[in-house]
Amino acid sequence: MHAFWWVFWIVVLVLVYLRPWEQKRTEDPLQLLKRRLAKGEISRKEYEEIKKTLLKDQ
Protein backbone atom coordinates (compact mmCIF):
# COMPACT_ATOMS: atom_id res chain seq x y z
CA MET A 1 0.00 0.00 0.00
CA HIS A 2 2.90 2.35 0.66
CA ALA A 3 4.19 1.78 -2.86
CA PHE A 4 0.87 3.00 -4.27
CA TRP A 5 1.13 6.29 -2.38
CA TRP A 6 4.74 6.79 -3.44
CA VAL A 7 3.79 6.31 -7.08
CA PHE A 8 0.72 8.53 -6.64
CA TRP A 9 2.73 11.44 -5.21
CA ILE A 10 5.49 11.08 -7.76
CA VAL A 11 2.92 11.27 -10.58
CA VAL A 12 1.28 14.31 -8.97
CA LEU A 13 4.61 16.11 -8.58
CA VAL A 14 5.65 15.35 -12.16
CA LEU A 15 2.33 16.64 -13.49
CA VAL A 16 2.54 19.81 -11.43
CA TYR A 17 6.15 20.41 -12.45
CA LEU A 18 5.67 19.77 -16.18
CA ARG A 19 2.18 21.33 -16.44
CA PRO A 20 1.23 19.58 -19.68
CA TRP A 21 -2.05 21.50 -19.86
CA GLU A 22 -0.25 24.82 -20.38
CA GLN A 23 0.69 25.87 -23.87
CA LYS A 24 4.35 26.17 -24.61
CA ARG A 25 5.41 29.71 -25.33
CA THR A 26 6.60 30.21 -28.84
CA GLU A 27 9.75 32.17 -29.29
CA ASP A 28 9.61 35.41 -31.23
CA PRO A 29 11.28 34.90 -34.64
CA LEU A 30 13.72 37.77 -34.08
CA GLN A 31 14.73 36.42 -30.67
CA LEU A 32 15.27 33.00 -32.20
CA LEU A 33 17.37 34.59 -34.93
CA LYS A 34 19.49 36.47 -32.37
CA ARG A 35 20.00 33.28 -30.37
CA ARG A 36 21.16 31.43 -33.48
CA LEU A 37 23.62 34.23 -34.25
CA ALA A 38 24.93 34.16 -30.69
CA LYS A 39 25.43 30.39 -30.87
CA GLY A 40 27.35 30.75 -34.13
CA GLU A 41 24.80 28.74 -36.12
CA ILE A 42 24.51 31.53 -38.71
CA SER A 43 26.84 34.24 -39.93
CA ARG A 44 26.31 37.97 -39.47
CA LYS A 45 25.46 38.25 -43.19
CA GLU A 46 22.83 35.50 -42.93
CA TYR A 47 21.46 37.21 -39.81
CA GLU A 48 21.02 40.53 -41.63
CA GLU A 49 19.37 38.90 -44.66
CA ILE A 50 16.91 36.89 -42.58
CA LYS A 51 16.19 39.85 -40.33
CA LYS A 52 15.42 42.02 -43.37
CA THR A 53 13.04 39.33 -44.66
CA LEU A 54 11.29 38.98 -41.31
CA LEU A 55 10.82 42.71 -40.88
CA LYS A 56 9.57 43.08 -44.46
CA ASP A 57 6.81 40.51 -43.83
CA GLN A 58 5.42 42.35 -40.82
C-alpha atoms as a PDB file:
ATOM      1  CA  MET A   1       0.000   0.000   0.000  1.00  0.00           C
ATOM      2  CA  HIS A   2       2.904   2.349   0.663  1.00  0.00           C
ATOM      3  CA  ALA A   3       4.193   1.782  -2.861  1.00  0.00           C
ATOM      4  CA  PHE A   4       0.874   3.005  -4.272  1.00  0.00           C
ATOM      5  CA  TRP A   5       1.130   6.287  -2.375  1.00  0.00           C
ATOM      6  CA  TRP A   6       4.742   6.792  -3.435  1.00  0.00           C
ATOM      7  CA  VAL A   7       3.791   6.311  -7.077  1.00  0.00           C
ATOM      8  CA  PHE A   8       0.717   8.534  -6.641  1.00  0.00           C
ATOM      9  CA  TRP A   9       2.727  11.439  -5.207  1.00  0.00           C
ATOM     10  CA  ILE A  10       5.486  11.082  -7.764  1.00  0.00           C
ATOM     11  CA  VAL A  11       2.924  11.268 -10.580  1.00  0.00           C
ATOM     12  CA  VAL A  12       1.278  14.311  -8.968  1.00  0.00           C
ATOM     13  CA  LEU A  13       4.614  16.105  -8.579  1.00  0.00           C
ATOM     14  CA  VAL A  14       5.650  15.349 -12.155  1.00  0.00           C
ATOM     15  CA  LEU A  15       2.332  16.641 -13.495  1.00  0.00           C
ATOM     16  CA  VAL A  16       2.545  19.814 -11.427  1.00  0.00           C
ATOM     17  CA  TYR A  17       6.155  20.411 -12.454  1.00  0.00           C
ATOM     18  CA  LEU A  18       5.668  19.771 -16.185  1.00  0.00           C
ATOM     19  CA  ARG A  19       2.183  21.327 -16.445  1.00  0.00           C
ATOM     20  CA  PRO A  20       1.229  19.578 -19.680  1.00  0.00           C
ATOM     21  CA  TRP A  21      -2.046  21.505 -19.864  1.00  0.00           C
ATOM     22  CA  GLU A  22      -0.251  24.825 -20.377  1.00  0.00           C
ATOM     23  CA  GLN A  23       0.694  25.874 -23.871  1.00  0.00           C
ATOM     24  CA  LYS A  24       4.353  26.167 -24.610  1.00  0.00           C
ATOM     25  CA  ARG A  25       5.411  29.714 -25.330  1.00  0.00           C
ATOM     26  CA  THR A  26       6.600  30.214 -28.841  1.00  0.00           C
ATOM     27  CA  GLU A  27       9.745  32.169 -29.289  1.00  0.00           C
ATOM     28  CA  ASP A  28       9.608  35.413 -31.234  1.00  0.00           C
ATOM     29  CA  PRO A  29      11.277  34.896 -34.636  1.00  0.00           C
ATOM     30  CA  LEU A  30      13.720  37.769 -34.085  1.00  0.00           C
ATOM     31  CA  GLN A  31      14.727  36.418 -30.675  1.00  0.00           C
ATOM     32  CA  LEU A  32      15.265  33.001 -32.203  1.00  0.00           C
ATOM     33  CA  LEU A  33      17.370  34.590 -34.931  1.00  0.00           C
ATOM     34  CA  LYS A  34      19.485  36.472 -32.369  1.00  0.00           C
ATOM     35  CA  ARG A  35      19.997  33.280 -30.371  1.00  0.00           C
ATOM     36  CA  ARG A  36      21.156  31.430 -33.485  1.00  0.00           C
ATOM     37  CA  LEU A  37      23.624  34.233 -34.248  1.00  0.00           C
ATOM     38  CA  ALA A  38      24.927  34.157 -30.688  1.00  0.00           C
ATOM     39  CA  LYS A  39      25.431  30.395 -30.870  1.00  0.00           C
ATOM     40  CA  GLY A  40      27.346  30.754 -34.132  1.00  0.00           C
ATOM     41  CA  GLU A  41      24.804  28.743 -36.117  1.00  0.00           C
ATOM     42  CA  ILE A  42      24.514  31.533 -38.705  1.00  0.00           C
ATOM     43  CA  SER A  43      26.845  34.242 -39.925  1.00  0.00           C
ATOM     44  CA  ARG A  44      26.312  37.965 -39.468  1.00  0.00           C
ATOM     45  CA  LYS A  45      25.462  38.255 -43.186  1.00  0.00           C
ATOM     46  CA  GLU A  46      22.829  35.502 -42.926  1.00  0.00           C
ATOM     47  CA  TYR A  47      21.462  37.211 -39.813  1.00  0.00           C
ATOM     48  CA  GLU A  48      21.019  40.532 -41.625  1.00  0.00           C
ATOM     49  CA  GLU A  49      19.374  38.904 -44.664  1.00  0.00           C
ATOM     50  CA  ILE A  50      16.911  36.893 -42.582  1.00  0.00           C
ATOM     51  CA  LYS A  51      16.190  39.854 -40.332  1.00  0.00           C
ATOM     52  CA  LYS A  52      15.418  42.023 -43.371  1.00  0.00           C
ATOM     53  CA  THR A  53      13.036  39.327 -44.659  1.00  0.00           C
ATOM     54  CA  LEU A  54      11.292  38.979 -41.310  1.00  0.00           C
ATOM     55  CA  LEU A  55      10.825  42.710 -40.876  1.00  0.00           C
ATOM     56  CA  LYS A  56       9.570  43.076 -44.463  1.00  0.00           C
ATOM     57  CA  ASP A  57       6.812  40.512 -43.827  1.00  0.00           C
ATOM     58  CA  GLN A  58       5.417  42.352 -40.815  1.00  0.00           C
END
